[in-house]
Every structure is written in structure tokens, then in C-alpha cells.
């Protein structure tokens, strides 16, 4: 299993990193000041009705500003936006609706940077490692992006797989994660000074937990091991499919998994086009999630629509013609 240690290909200059930190803090400070003024100060002096009239518009404006910031900066700002968009229980629709498609708007890294990092990690030119690898990514996310590829002949013989997806970390992402977490810790400290916040949540503790999760997420060997553990838990379950791991083509910053043709679980039109009734998918998905939590004790902690797919399969007697792919 090759690897290139902890050196970061394409790392951003220190001046860019410092500017990023300051920009995140300026955005947070300005918006926290606005929230304090409209949501705490004006009601305290009897002008709550005035503040309430413009609340939906202010929420939309905040969400749009954060959306633009996250798309431009990428990194953990995308993950924060993704988290906010999922909190329908505590945030108004003016915010969640504006941020719900954020993950799909991440711009990809130009392929030369991806090639350099992947070759550095795998220890050989990509033309030797894979029979082919598409330069255009099939998905770009906050921490990495994915490319379709075909294994070379020896790897096909060893694994029994042919078509794979190669996930490559964004060059320099570790430095970006570090500075984003530093900014979030600072913002968490500010938030913890508001009584309305610290009475309801330990924000610094939440940031610490978020940081631990992020550091695990940028270690692709950890993700590969989790993938195999998940597959073991559902071995023999006809409802669930998990892509196989090509361990010889995995490092901390490159992950190679079996390519599974699939339909996003929220793509109702795509499911119907594949002959799958979306109404049949929902209870199966719920049952699988309950199995993870209450039976296995090991669960998928990021089940957003970009990570859960429905894969059509050739049905046997009495079997469903599809599986959930995690």
C-alpha cells in the first residue's frame, strides 16, 4: 500500500491561509452582530415587532451570503452549510432551502493537480496504475473529488473488479481544514457567550467533535476500513450493497472503490425511470438505518442523498430488483 507520508502537494501559501481565516471571522462577526441587534437588543427595548417584520428577508440574505462564501472558499465551509441545510428541526426554511444544494456546487480541482497528488501517493504514473482514468470528475466535494477508472490487468485478476471510482483528496486540504477549524473554534467561543446559546448547547464541545470527525474523514484508510466493516455487518442482507475496496490502490489521500452504477436515493424521477417505486425504497432505508443503530452498533453517520444510492439489479425469485448502496 504505497503512500507519500504527510507532505501536502499543492499546499496554499501562508498568506492565502491567513486571509482565509480573517475572511471567515469577518463574516461571522458581522452576522453575529446583526443577529444580536435584531433578535436580542431590539426585542429587549420593545421593538420586537419591528425586528420580526424583516426576519424572513434577513434569513434569506444571510443564507445567500453564506452560500456564496462557502462556494468560493470550499473546505469545511461546505460541510457547515451542508449541516445547516439538514437542520429542518431548528432552522427556518429560508436558510435550509437556500443551502440544500450546496454540496452539488463545489467546483472541481483541475486535473493536473489531482494527477500530481495521486501519483505522489500511489508511487507511479497513473497510466501504469490504472488501465484508464477519466480526467473529468464524476463528483467534486469539499475535501476531495472522484474519477471513474478501470483497473489494470493484474489488479483485475487479484480483485475480480474492473470498473472503479478513485477518490482523490484536494491538494492542500489539510492546511485548509486546520485554518477552518481554527476559525470555527473562535466563532464557537463567541457563540458560547450568548446566554440563549450556552443554555442550549456546548458549542466548543460540538466544534471539538466536528474537528475529530473531519480529521478522520481526511484519512481515506479510515474510510476504507469503515467501508469493509459496514459490508461485514450487512453480509448476506439482500437489501444492502457496499462497494468493494481495492486496498492496493488506497492511501491516506487516495481511495479506490468498486464502481456501482446507481440512482441517488432522492431522485424520484430517476427511480421511476429505472422501474423502482420510491415509496418502496423509504421503509427499506429506514429499516437499514435502524439495523445499524439498534442491532449492529456501527452506523453510517453521513447519510445525506449524495452518499446513499439505489442500485438496480437482476432480480431472483422473490427478491427486490434493487439494493440500497452505501
C-alpha atoms as a PDB file:
ATOM      1  CA  UNK A   1       0.000   0.000   0.000  1.00  0.00           C
ATOM      2  CA  UNK A   2       2.013   2.996  -1.231  1.00  0.00           C
ATOM      3  CA  UNK A   3       1.936   6.385   0.381  1.00  0.00           C
ATOM      4  CA  UNK A   4       3.769   9.659   0.432  1.00  0.00           C
ATOM      5  CA  UNK A   5       3.728  10.494   4.117  1.00  0.00           C
ATOM      6  CA  UNK A   6       2.196  13.704   5.323  1.00  0.00           C
ATOM      7  CA  UNK A   7       3.602  16.170   2.788  1.00  0.00           C
ATOM      8  CA  UNK A   8       0.890  18.174   1.067  1.00  0.00           C
ATOM      9  CA  UNK A   9       1.043  18.600  -2.706  1.00  0.00           C
ATOM     10  CA  UNK A  10      -0.244  21.955  -3.875  1.00  0.00           C
ATOM     11  CA  UNK A  11      -0.377  23.493  -0.400  1.00  0.00           C
ATOM     12  CA  UNK A  12      -1.691  27.070  -0.335  1.00  0.00           C
ATOM     13  CA  UNK A  13       0.729  29.905   0.558  1.00  0.00           C
ATOM     14  CA  UNK A  14       0.636  31.033   4.188  1.00  0.00           C
ATOM     15  CA  UNK A  15      -0.659  34.469   3.174  1.00  0.00           C
ATOM     16  CA  UNK A  16      -3.667  32.891   1.468  1.00  0.00           C
ATOM     17  CA  UNK A  17      -4.351  30.782   4.550  1.00  0.00           C
ATOM     18  CA  UNK A  18      -4.226  33.823   6.857  1.00  0.00           C
ATOM     19  CA  UNK A  19      -6.543  35.765   4.539  1.00  0.00           C
ATOM     20  CA  UNK A  20      -8.975  32.849   4.582  1.00  0.00           C
ATOM     21  CA  UNK A  21      -9.000  32.816   8.392  1.00  0.00           C
ATOM     22  CA  UNK A  22      -9.662  36.557   8.575  1.00  0.00           C
ATOM     23  CA  UNK A  23     -12.427  36.370   5.999  1.00  0.00           C
ATOM     24  CA  UNK A  24     -14.306  33.647   7.865  1.00  0.00           C
ATOM     25  CA  UNK A  25     -14.059  35.606  11.114  1.00  0.00           C
ATOM     26  CA  UNK A  26     -15.225  38.853   9.464  1.00  0.00           C
ATOM     27  CA  UNK A  27     -18.247  37.077   8.008  1.00  0.00           C
ATOM     28  CA  UNK A  28     -19.112  35.502  11.363  1.00  0.00           C
ATOM     29  CA  UNK A  29     -18.591  38.710  13.348  1.00  0.00           C
ATOM     30  CA  UNK A  30     -20.759  40.817  11.043  1.00  0.00           C
ATOM     31  CA  UNK A  31     -23.622  38.322  11.034  1.00  0.00           C
ATOM     32  CA  UNK A  32     -23.467  37.644  14.770  1.00  0.00           C
ATOM     33  CA  UNK A  33     -23.640  41.383  15.379  1.00  0.00           C
ATOM     34  CA  UNK A  34     -26.710  41.598  13.131  1.00  0.00           C
ATOM     35  CA  UNK A  35     -28.369  38.701  14.951  1.00  0.00           C
ATOM     36  CA  UNK A  36     -27.637  40.289  18.331  1.00  0.00           C
ATOM     37  CA  UNK A  37     -29.128  43.603  17.181  1.00  0.00           C
ATOM     38  CA  UNK A  38     -32.331  42.261  15.642  1.00  0.00           C
ATOM     39  CA  UNK A  39     -33.021  39.166  17.744  1.00  0.00           C
ATOM     40  CA  UNK A  40     -31.803  40.257  21.197  1.00  0.00           C
ATOM     41  CA  UNK A  41     -31.402  44.020  21.505  1.00  0.00           C
ATOM     42  CA  UNK A  42     -34.463  45.324  19.635  1.00  0.00           C
ATOM     43  CA  UNK A  43     -36.900  42.966  21.437  1.00  0.00           C
ATOM     44  CA  UNK A  44     -35.322  43.992  24.750  1.00  0.00           C
ATOM     45  CA  UNK A  45     -36.189  47.665  24.153  1.00  0.00           C
ATOM     46  CA  UNK A  46     -39.727  46.904  22.980  1.00  0.00           C
ATOM     47  CA  UNK A  47     -39.122  46.802  19.225  1.00  0.00           C
ATOM     48  CA  UNK A  48     -39.552  43.069  18.735  1.00  0.00           C
ATOM     49  CA  UNK A  49     -42.386  43.599  16.266  1.00  0.00           C
ATOM     50  CA  UNK A  50     -40.157  45.772  14.100  1.00  0.00           C
ATOM     51  CA  UNK A  51     -37.436  43.116  14.128  1.00  0.00           C
ATOM     52  CA  UNK A  52     -39.927  40.367  13.344  1.00  0.00           C
ATOM     53  CA  UNK A  53     -41.258  42.013  10.187  1.00  0.00           C
ATOM     54  CA  UNK A  54     -37.977  41.685   8.324  1.00  0.00           C
ATOM     55  CA  UNK A  55     -36.862  38.334   9.739  1.00  0.00           C
ATOM     56  CA  UNK A  56     -37.613  36.105   6.684  1.00  0.00           C
ATOM     57  CA  UNK A  57     -35.800  38.528   4.373  1.00  0.00           C
ATOM     58  CA  UNK A  58     -32.791  38.707   6.718  1.00  0.00           C
ATOM     59  CA  UNK A  59     -32.625  34.929   6.982  1.00  0.00           C
ATOM     60  CA  UNK A  60     -32.635  34.574   3.193  1.00  0.00           C
ATOM     61  CA  UNK A  61     -29.937  37.222   2.827  1.00  0.00           C
ATOM     62  CA  UNK A  62     -27.765  35.531   5.444  1.00  0.00           C
ATOM     63  CA  UNK A  63     -28.171  32.148   3.738  1.00  0.00           C
ATOM     64  CA  UNK A  64     -27.297  33.604   0.334  1.00  0.00           C
ATOM     65  CA  UNK A  65     -24.199  35.319   1.698  1.00  0.00           C
ATOM     66  CA  UNK A  66     -23.071  32.138   3.415  1.00  0.00           C
ATOM     67  CA  UNK A  67     -23.830  30.140   0.262  1.00  0.00           C
ATOM     68  CA  UNK A  68     -21.604  32.433  -1.815  1.00  0.00           C
ATOM     69  CA  UNK A  69     -18.826  32.349   0.797  1.00  0.00           C
ATOM     70  CA  UNK A  70     -18.922  28.557   1.036  1.00  0.00           C
ATOM     71  CA  UNK A  71     -18.824  28.006  -2.730  1.00  0.00           C
ATOM     72  CA  UNK A  72     -15.899  30.409  -3.071  1.00  0.00           C
ATOM     73  CA  UNK A  73     -13.851  29.125  -0.122  1.00  0.00           C
ATOM     74  CA  UNK A  74     -14.830  25.452  -0.178  1.00  0.00           C
ATOM     75  CA  UNK A  75     -13.251  23.348   2.559  1.00  0.00           C
ATOM     76  CA  UNK A  76     -15.191  22.990   5.779  1.00  0.00           C
ATOM     77  CA  UNK A  77     -17.461  25.899   4.884  1.00  0.00           C
ATOM     78  CA  UNK A  78     -19.237  23.490   2.533  1.00  0.00           C
ATOM     79  CA  UNK A  79     -19.656  20.998   5.360  1.00  0.00           C
ATOM     80  CA  UNK A  80     -21.012  23.675   7.696  1.00  0.00           C
ATOM     81  CA  UNK A  81     -23.528  24.665   5.027  1.00  0.00           C
ATOM     82  CA  UNK A  82     -24.483  21.035   4.475  1.00  0.00           C
ATOM     83  CA  UNK A  83     -25.062  20.648   8.217  1.00  0.00           C
ATOM     84  CA  UNK A  84     -27.190  23.810   8.377  1.00  0.00           C
ATOM     85  CA  UNK A  85     -29.291  22.703   5.399  1.00  0.00           C
ATOM     86  CA  UNK A  86     -30.160  19.452   7.176  1.00  0.00           C
ATOM     87  CA  UNK A  87     -31.368  21.081  10.411  1.00  0.00           C
ATOM     88  CA  UNK A  88     -35.010  21.448   9.428  1.00  0.00           C
ATOM     89  CA  UNK A  89     -35.871  20.928  13.092  1.00  0.00           C
ATOM     90  CA  UNK A  90     -34.237  24.136  14.348  1.00  0.00           C
ATOM     91  CA  UNK A  91     -33.602  26.431  11.363  1.00  0.00           C
ATOM     92  CA  UNK A  92     -36.170  28.301   9.264  1.00  0.00           C
ATOM     93  CA  UNK A  93     -36.837  27.202   5.662  1.00  0.00           C
ATOM     94  CA  UNK A  94     -35.390  30.497   4.419  1.00  0.00           C
ATOM     95  CA  UNK A  95     -31.980  29.131   5.464  1.00  0.00           C
ATOM     96  CA  UNK A  96     -32.301  25.391   4.831  1.00  0.00           C
ATOM     97  CA  UNK A  97     -33.804  25.811   1.350  1.00  0.00           C
ATOM     98  CA  UNK A  98     -31.071  28.184   0.198  1.00  0.00           C
ATOM     99  CA  UNK A  99     -28.288  25.861   1.369  1.00  0.00           C
ATOM    100  CA  UNK A 100     -29.728  22.468   0.430  1.00  0.00           C
ATOM    101  CA  UNK A 101     -27.915  22.180  -2.931  1.00  0.00           C
ATOM    102  CA  UNK A 102     -24.579  23.476  -1.711  1.00  0.00           C
ATOM    103  CA  UNK A 103     -22.742  20.144  -1.907  1.00  0.00           C
ATOM    104  CA  UNK A 104     -23.511  19.893  -5.636  1.00  0.00           C
ATOM    105  CA  UNK A 105     -21.977  23.292  -6.415  1.00  0.00           C
ATOM    106  CA  UNK A 106     -18.405  22.605  -5.330  1.00  0.00           C
ATOM    107  CA  UNK A 107     -16.047  23.439  -8.232  1.00  0.00           C
ATOM    108  CA  UNK A 108     -13.634  20.622  -9.157  1.00  0.00           C
ATOM    109  CA  UNK A 109      -9.863  20.822  -8.882  1.00  0.00           C
ATOM    110  CA  UNK A 110      -8.163  20.971 -12.323  1.00  0.00           C
ATOM    111  CA  UNK A 111      -6.922  17.509 -13.250  1.00  0.00           C
ATOM    112  CA  UNK A 112      -3.156  18.281 -13.292  1.00  0.00           C
ATOM    113  CA  UNK A 113      -3.267  18.950  -9.535  1.00  0.00           C
ATOM    114  CA  UNK A 114      -5.215  15.742  -8.944  1.00  0.00           C
ATOM    115  CA  UNK A 115      -2.776  13.783 -11.107  1.00  0.00           C
ATOM    116  CA  UNK A 116       0.248  15.094  -9.197  1.00  0.00           C
ATOM    117  CA  UNK A 117      -1.204  14.224  -5.811  1.00  0.00           C
ATOM    118  CA  UNK A 118      -2.439  10.769  -6.896  1.00  0.00           C
ATOM    119  CA  UNK A 119       0.880   9.846  -8.498  1.00  0.00           C
ATOM    120  CA  UNK A 120       2.758  11.080  -5.433  1.00  0.00           C
ATOM    121  CA  UNK A 121       0.553   8.938  -3.197  1.00  0.00           C
ATOM    122  CA  UNK A 122       0.491   5.808  -5.376  1.00  0.00           C
ATOM    123  CA  UNK A 123       4.176   5.985  -6.250  1.00  0.00           C
ATOM    124  CA  UNK A 124       3.786   5.576 -10.011  1.00  0.00           C
ATOM    125  CA  UNK A 125       2.298   7.323 -13.066  1.00  0.00           C
ATOM    126  CA  UNK A 126      -1.469   6.909 -13.300  1.00  0.00           C
ATOM    127  CA  UNK A 127      -1.050   5.300 -16.721  1.00  0.00           C
ATOM    128  CA  UNK A 128       0.781   2.436 -15.022  1.00  0.00           C
ATOM    129  CA  UNK A 129      -1.503   2.164 -12.016  1.00  0.00           C
ATOM    130  CA  UNK A 130      -4.795   2.107 -13.942  1.00  0.00           C
ATOM    131  CA  UNK A 131      -5.773   0.875 -17.393  1.00  0.00           C
ATOM    132  CA  UNK A 132      -7.624   4.170 -17.793  1.00  0.00           C
ATOM    133  CA  UNK A 133      -8.745   7.076 -15.626  1.00  0.00           C
ATOM    134  CA  UNK A 134     -11.196   9.773 -16.708  1.00  0.00           C
ATOM    135  CA  UNK A 135      -9.886  13.310 -16.279  1.00  0.00           C
ATOM    136  CA  UNK A 136     -13.385  14.737 -15.767  1.00  0.00           C
ATOM    137  CA  UNK A 137     -14.600  14.045 -12.213  1.00  0.00           C
ATOM    138  CA  UNK A 138     -17.966  12.428 -11.629  1.00  0.00           C
ATOM    139  CA  UNK A 139     -18.300  14.318  -8.345  1.00  0.00           C
ATOM    140  CA  UNK A 140     -16.489  17.103  -6.521  1.00  0.00           C
ATOM    141  CA  UNK A 141     -16.909  17.504  -2.775  1.00  0.00           C
ATOM    142  CA  UNK A 142     -15.485  19.723  -0.073  1.00  0.00           C
ATOM    143  CA  UNK A 143     -12.491  17.520   0.742  1.00  0.00           C
ATOM    144  CA  UNK A 144     -11.919  15.519  -2.437  1.00  0.00           C
ATOM    145  CA  UNK A 145     -13.246  14.512  -5.815  1.00  0.00           C
ATOM    146  CA  UNK A 146     -13.981  11.240  -7.596  1.00  0.00           C
ATOM    147  CA  UNK A 147     -12.931   9.957 -11.015  1.00  0.00           C
ATOM    148  CA  UNK A 148     -14.007   6.818 -12.844  1.00  0.00           C
ATOM    149  CA  UNK A 149     -11.233   4.406 -13.777  1.00  0.00           C
ATOM    150  CA  UNK A 150     -10.522   0.834 -14.863  1.00  0.00           C
ATOM    151  CA  UNK A 151      -8.095  -1.397 -13.054  1.00  0.00           C
ATOM    152  CA  UNK A 152      -5.025  -2.739 -14.815  1.00  0.00           C
ATOM    153  CA  UNK A 153      -4.866  -6.436 -15.673  1.00  0.00           C
ATOM    154  CA  UNK A 154      -3.029  -7.654 -12.523  1.00  0.00           C
ATOM    155  CA  UNK A 155      -5.395  -5.755 -10.216  1.00  0.00           C
ATOM    156  CA  UNK A 156      -8.425  -7.088 -12.091  1.00  0.00           C
ATOM    157  CA  UNK A 157      -7.116 -10.610 -11.609  1.00  0.00           C
ATOM    158  CA  UNK A 158      -6.439 -10.036  -7.902  1.00  0.00           C
ATOM    159  CA  UNK A 159      -9.735  -8.340  -7.030  1.00  0.00           C
ATOM    160  CA  UNK A 160     -12.235  -9.612  -9.571  1.00  0.00           C
ATOM    161  CA  UNK A 161     -13.188  -5.983 -10.194  1.00  0.00           C
ATOM    162  CA  UNK A 162     -12.852  -3.910 -13.350  1.00  0.00           C
ATOM    163  CA  UNK A 163     -14.517  -0.507 -13.137  1.00  0.00           C
ATOM    164  CA  UNK A 164     -13.711   1.551 -10.072  1.00  0.00           C
ATOM    165  CA  UNK A 165     -14.087   5.037  -8.646  1.00  0.00           C
ATOM    166  CA  UNK A 166     -10.890   6.747  -7.498  1.00  0.00           C
ATOM    167  CA  UNK A 167     -11.416   9.369  -4.821  1.00  0.00           C
ATOM    168  CA  UNK A 168      -8.528  11.823  -4.553  1.00  0.00           C
ATOM    169  CA  UNK A 169      -8.133  14.395  -1.817  1.00  0.00           C
ATOM    170  CA  UNK A 170      -7.971  18.054  -2.764  1.00  0.00           C
ATOM    171  CA  UNK A 171      -4.343  19.230  -2.809  1.00  0.00           C
ATOM    172  CA  UNK A 172      -3.502  21.199   0.329  1.00  0.00           C
ATOM    173  CA  UNK A 173      -6.803  20.346   2.023  1.00  0.00           C
ATOM    174  CA  UNK A 174      -5.149  19.563   5.376  1.00  0.00           C
ATOM    175  CA  UNK A 175      -3.946  23.170   5.738  1.00  0.00           C
ATOM    176  CA  UNK A 176      -7.418  24.410   4.773  1.00  0.00           C
ATOM    177  CA  UNK A 177      -9.076  22.110   7.317  1.00  0.00           C
ATOM    178  CA  UNK A 178      -6.680  23.337  10.011  1.00  0.00           C
ATOM    179  CA  UNK A 179      -7.406  27.023   9.380  1.00  0.00           C
ATOM    180  CA  UNK A 180     -11.163  26.471   9.034  1.00  0.00           C
ATOM    181  CA  UNK A 181     -11.247  24.625  12.350  1.00  0.00           C
ATOM    182  CA  UNK A 182      -9.238  27.404  13.996  1.00  0.00           C
ATOM    183  CA  UNK A 183     -11.809  29.916  12.749  1.00  0.00           C
ATOM    184  CA  UNK A 184     -14.719  27.726  13.877  1.00  0.00           C
ATOM    185  CA  UNK A 185     -13.194  27.387  17.347  1.00  0.00           C
ATOM    186  CA  UNK A 186     -13.008  31.173  17.572  1.00  0.00           C
ATOM    187  CA  UNK A 187     -16.605  31.562  16.407  1.00  0.00           C
ATOM    188  CA  UNK A 188     -17.689  28.822  18.823  1.00  0.00           C
ATOM    189  CA  UNK A 189     -16.119  30.815  21.654  1.00  0.00           C
ATOM    190  CA  UNK A 190     -18.081  33.892  20.604  1.00  0.00           C
ATOM    191  CA  UNK A 191     -21.339  31.949  20.441  1.00  0.00           C
ATOM    192  CA  UNK A 192     -20.801  30.447  23.880  1.00  0.00           C
ATOM    193  CA  UNK A 193     -21.015  33.947  25.382  1.00  0.00           C
ATOM    194  CA  UNK A 194     -24.676  34.268  24.362  1.00  0.00           C
ATOM    195  CA  UNK A 195     -26.973  33.034  27.121  1.00  0.00           C
ATOM    196  CA  UNK A 196     -29.539  31.850  24.582  1.00  0.00           C
ATOM    197  CA  UNK A 197     -26.813  29.645  23.054  1.00  0.00           C
ATOM    198  CA  UNK A 198     -24.854  28.295  26.039  1.00  0.00           C
ATOM    199  CA  UNK A 199     -28.063  27.338  27.864  1.00  0.00           C
ATOM    200  CA  UNK A 200     -28.952  25.052  24.950  1.00  0.00           C
ATOM    201  CA  UNK A 201     -25.653  23.745  23.579  1.00  0.00           C
ATOM    202  CA  UNK A 202     -21.978  23.358  24.401  1.00  0.00           C
ATOM    203  CA  UNK A 203     -20.723  24.909  21.168  1.00  0.00           C
ATOM    204  CA  UNK A 204     -16.968  24.454  21.862  1.00  0.00           C
ATOM    205  CA  UNK A 205     -17.616  20.748  22.519  1.00  0.00           C
ATOM    206  CA  UNK A 206     -19.555  20.497  19.252  1.00  0.00           C
ATOM    207  CA  UNK A 207     -16.653  22.089  17.391  1.00  0.00           C
ATOM    208  CA  UNK A 208     -14.227  19.618  19.002  1.00  0.00           C
ATOM    209  CA  UNK A 209     -16.397  16.708  17.900  1.00  0.00           C
ATOM    210  CA  UNK A 210     -16.673  18.188  14.406  1.00  0.00           C
ATOM    211  CA  UNK A 211     -12.865  18.522  14.279  1.00  0.00           C
ATOM    212  CA  UNK A 212     -12.331  14.893  15.289  1.00  0.00           C
ATOM    213  CA  UNK A 213     -14.752  13.768  12.582  1.00  0.00           C
ATOM    214  CA  UNK A 214     -13.051  15.919   9.947  1.00  0.00           C
ATOM    215  CA  UNK A 215      -9.598  14.524  10.734  1.00  0.00           C
ATOM    216  CA  UNK A 216     -10.979  11.007  10.393  1.00  0.00           C
ATOM    217  CA  UNK A 217     -12.615  11.960   7.106  1.00  0.00           C
ATOM    218  CA  UNK A 218      -9.372  13.148   5.520  1.00  0.00           C
ATOM    219  CA  UNK A 219      -7.763   9.792   6.316  1.00  0.00           C
ATOM    220  CA  UNK A 220      -9.038   7.631   3.475  1.00  0.00           C
ATOM    221  CA  UNK A 221      -7.612   4.462   5.028  1.00  0.00           C
ATOM    222  CA  UNK A 222     -10.026   5.041   7.895  1.00  0.00           C
ATOM    223  CA  UNK A 223     -12.872   5.372   5.388  1.00  0.00           C
ATOM    224  CA  UNK A 224     -11.811   2.183   3.598  1.00  0.00           C
ATOM    225  CA  UNK A 225     -11.762   0.252   6.880  1.00  0.00           C
ATOM    226  CA  UNK A 226     -15.207   1.588   7.771  1.00  0.00           C
ATOM    227  CA  UNK A 227     -16.478   0.517   4.362  1.00  0.00           C
ATOM    228  CA  UNK A 228     -15.331  -3.056   4.960  1.00  0.00           C
ATOM    229  CA  UNK A 229     -16.761  -3.094   8.492  1.00  0.00           C
ATOM    230  CA  UNK A 230     -20.105  -1.884   7.130  1.00  0.00           C
ATOM    231  CA  UNK A 231     -20.031  -4.584   4.442  1.00  0.00           C
ATOM    232  CA  UNK A 232     -19.342  -7.261   7.072  1.00  0.00           C
ATOM    233  CA  UNK A 233     -22.294  -6.085   9.162  1.00  0.00           C
ATOM    234  CA  UNK A 234     -24.652  -6.466   6.204  1.00  0.00           C
ATOM    235  CA  UNK A 235     -23.096  -9.532   4.590  1.00  0.00           C
ATOM    236  CA  UNK A 236     -25.919 -11.716   3.338  1.00  0.00           C
ATOM    237  CA  UNK A 237     -28.534  -8.961   3.627  1.00  0.00           C
ATOM    238  CA  UNK A 238     -30.246  -8.789   0.214  1.00  0.00           C
ATOM    239  CA  UNK A 239     -31.337  -5.182   0.818  1.00  0.00           C
ATOM    240  CA  UNK A 240     -27.832  -3.709   1.040  1.00  0.00           C
ATOM    241  CA  UNK A 241     -24.824  -3.383  -1.270  1.00  0.00           C
ATOM    242  CA  UNK A 242     -21.438  -1.922  -0.337  1.00  0.00           C
ATOM    243  CA  UNK A 243     -18.677  -1.216  -2.903  1.00  0.00           C
ATOM    244  CA  UNK A 244     -15.566  -3.358  -2.613  1.00  0.00           C
ATOM    245  CA  UNK A 245     -12.267  -1.748  -1.557  1.00  0.00           C
ATOM    246  CA  UNK A 246      -9.156  -2.049  -3.756  1.00  0.00           C
ATOM    247  CA  UNK A 247      -6.641  -1.879  -0.916  1.00  0.00           C
ATOM    248  CA  UNK A 248      -3.531  -1.898  -3.114  1.00  0.00           C
ATOM    249  CA  UNK A 249      -4.706   1.383  -4.645  1.00  0.00           C
ATOM    250  CA  UNK A 250      -5.573   3.125  -1.382  1.00  0.00           C
ATOM    251  CA  UNK A 251      -3.545   5.541   0.742  1.00  0.00           C
ATOM    252  CA  UNK A 252      -4.456   8.187   3.272  1.00  0.00           C
ATOM    253  CA  UNK A 253      -5.304  10.543   0.398  1.00  0.00           C
ATOM    254  CA  UNK A 254      -6.411   8.184  -2.382  1.00  0.00           C
ATOM    255  CA  UNK A 255      -9.338   5.771  -2.079  1.00  0.00           C
ATOM    256  CA  UNK A 256     -10.241   3.237  -4.777  1.00  0.00           C
ATOM    257  CA  UNK A 257     -13.650   1.578  -4.583  1.00  0.00           C
ATOM    258  CA  UNK A 258     -15.748  -0.614  -6.840  1.00  0.00           C
ATOM    259  CA  UNK A 259     -17.844   1.471  -9.240  1.00  0.00           C
ATOM    260  CA  UNK A 260     -21.532   0.761  -8.695  1.00  0.00           C
ATOM    261  CA  UNK A 261     -23.995   2.195 -11.195  1.00  0.00           C
ATOM    262  CA  UNK A 262     -26.715   3.729  -9.073  1.00  0.00           C
ATOM    263  CA  UNK A 263     -29.519   6.271  -8.747  1.00  0.00           C
ATOM    264  CA  UNK A 264     -29.428   8.892  -5.978  1.00  0.00           C
ATOM    265  CA  UNK A 265     -31.980   7.941  -3.328  1.00  0.00           C
ATOM    266  CA  UNK A 266     -33.766  11.318  -3.617  1.00  0.00           C
ATOM    267  CA  UNK A 267     -34.025  11.157  -7.435  1.00  0.00           C
ATOM    268  CA  UNK A 268     -37.667  10.091  -7.631  1.00  0.00           C
ATOM    269  CA  UNK A 269     -37.836  10.572 -11.412  1.00  0.00           C
ATOM    270  CA  UNK A 270     -34.664   8.531 -11.904  1.00  0.00           C
ATOM    271  CA  UNK A 271     -36.008   5.749  -9.686  1.00  0.00           C
ATOM    272  CA  UNK A 272     -39.264   5.568 -11.622  1.00  0.00           C
ATOM    273  CA  UNK A 273     -37.355   5.557 -14.911  1.00  0.00           C
ATOM    274  CA  UNK A 274     -35.450   2.515 -13.601  1.00  0.00           C
ATOM    275  CA  UNK A 275     -38.738   0.804 -12.714  1.00  0.00           C
ATOM    276  CA  UNK A 276     -38.355   1.380  -8.976  1.00  0.00           C
ATOM    277  CA  UNK A 277     -41.196   2.739  -6.844  1.00  0.00           C
ATOM    278  CA  UNK A 278     -39.782   5.423  -4.480  1.00  0.00           C
ATOM    279  CA  UNK A 279     -42.492   4.536  -1.952  1.00  0.00           C
ATOM    280  CA  UNK A 280     -40.947   1.071  -1.600  1.00  0.00           C
ATOM    281  CA  UNK A 281     -37.474   2.476  -1.009  1.00  0.00           C
ATOM    282  CA  UNK A 282     -38.257   4.651   2.019  1.00  0.00           C
ATOM    283  CA  UNK A 283     -39.275   1.899   4.507  1.00  0.00           C
ATOM    284  CA  UNK A 284     -36.332  -0.275   3.455  1.00  0.00           C
ATOM    285  CA  UNK A 285     -33.945   2.630   4.011  1.00  0.00           C
ATOM    286  CA  UNK A 286     -35.491   3.260   7.445  1.00  0.00           C
ATOM    287  CA  UNK A 287     -35.155  -0.428   8.377  1.00  0.00           C
ATOM    288  CA  UNK A 288     -31.490  -0.489   7.351  1.00  0.00           C
ATOM    289  CA  UNK A 289     -30.759   2.647   9.390  1.00  0.00           C
ATOM    290  CA  UNK A 290     -32.487   1.120  12.429  1.00  0.00           C
ATOM    291  CA  UNK A 291     -30.453  -2.080  11.985  1.00  0.00           C
ATOM    292  CA  UNK A 292     -27.261  -0.027  12.070  1.00  0.00           C
ATOM    293  CA  UNK A 293     -28.229   1.813  15.225  1.00  0.00           C
ATOM    294  CA  UNK A 294     -30.008  -0.835  17.282  1.00  0.00           C
ATOM    295  CA  UNK A 295     -28.513  -4.117  16.043  1.00  0.00           C
ATOM    296  CA  UNK A 296     -25.002  -3.533  14.726  1.00  0.00           C
ATOM    297  CA  UNK A 297     -23.891  -0.602  16.866  1.00  0.00           C
ATOM    298  CA  UNK A 298     -21.941   0.747  13.875  1.00  0.00           C
ATOM    299  CA  UNK A 299     -23.709   3.209  11.642  1.00  0.00           C
ATOM    300  CA  UNK A 300     -23.333   5.469   8.630  1.00  0.00           C
ATOM    301  CA  UNK A 301     -23.044   8.923  10.205  1.00  0.00           C
ATOM    302  CA  UNK A 302     -23.333  10.959   6.990  1.00  0.00           C
ATOM    303  CA  UNK A 303     -26.432   9.605   5.217  1.00  0.00           C
ATOM    304  CA  UNK A 304     -27.118  12.608   3.004  1.00  0.00           C
ATOM    305  CA  UNK A 305     -28.538  11.918  -0.506  1.00  0.00           C
ATOM    306  CA  UNK A 306     -25.110  12.127  -2.139  1.00  0.00           C
ATOM    307  CA  UNK A 307     -23.963   9.088  -0.140  1.00  0.00           C
ATOM    308  CA  UNK A 308     -26.971   6.769  -0.488  1.00  0.00           C
ATOM    309  CA  UNK A 309     -27.935   5.212  -3.814  1.00  0.00           C
ATOM    310  CA  UNK A 310     -30.449   2.720  -5.159  1.00  0.00           C
ATOM    311  CA  UNK A 311     -28.806   0.174  -7.461  1.00  0.00           C
ATOM    312  CA  UNK A 312     -30.937  -1.780  -9.951  1.00  0.00           C
ATOM    313  CA  UNK A 313     -30.029  -5.488 -10.003  1.00  0.00           C
ATOM    314  CA  UNK A 314     -31.240  -8.574 -11.814  1.00  0.00           C
ATOM    315  CA  UNK A 315     -33.960  -9.896  -9.516  1.00  0.00           C
ATOM    316  CA  UNK A 316     -34.137 -13.525  -8.496  1.00  0.00           C
ATOM    317  CA  UNK A 317     -37.285 -15.309  -7.403  1.00  0.00           C
ATOM    318  CA  UNK A 318     -38.996 -13.295  -4.684  1.00  0.00           C
ATOM    319  CA  UNK A 319     -36.195 -10.725  -4.485  1.00  0.00           C
ATOM    320  CA  UNK A 320     -36.354  -6.955  -4.933  1.00  0.00           C
ATOM    321  CA  UNK A 321     -34.942  -5.741  -8.272  1.00  0.00           C
ATOM    322  CA  UNK A 322     -32.767  -3.202  -6.423  1.00  0.00           C
ATOM    323  CA  UNK A 323     -30.465  -2.714  -3.457  1.00  0.00           C
ATOM    324  CA  UNK A 324     -29.505   0.218  -1.288  1.00  0.00           C
ATOM    325  CA  UNK A 325     -25.869   1.091  -1.924  1.00  0.00           C
ATOM    326  CA  UNK A 326     -23.970   2.863   0.863  1.00  0.00           C
END
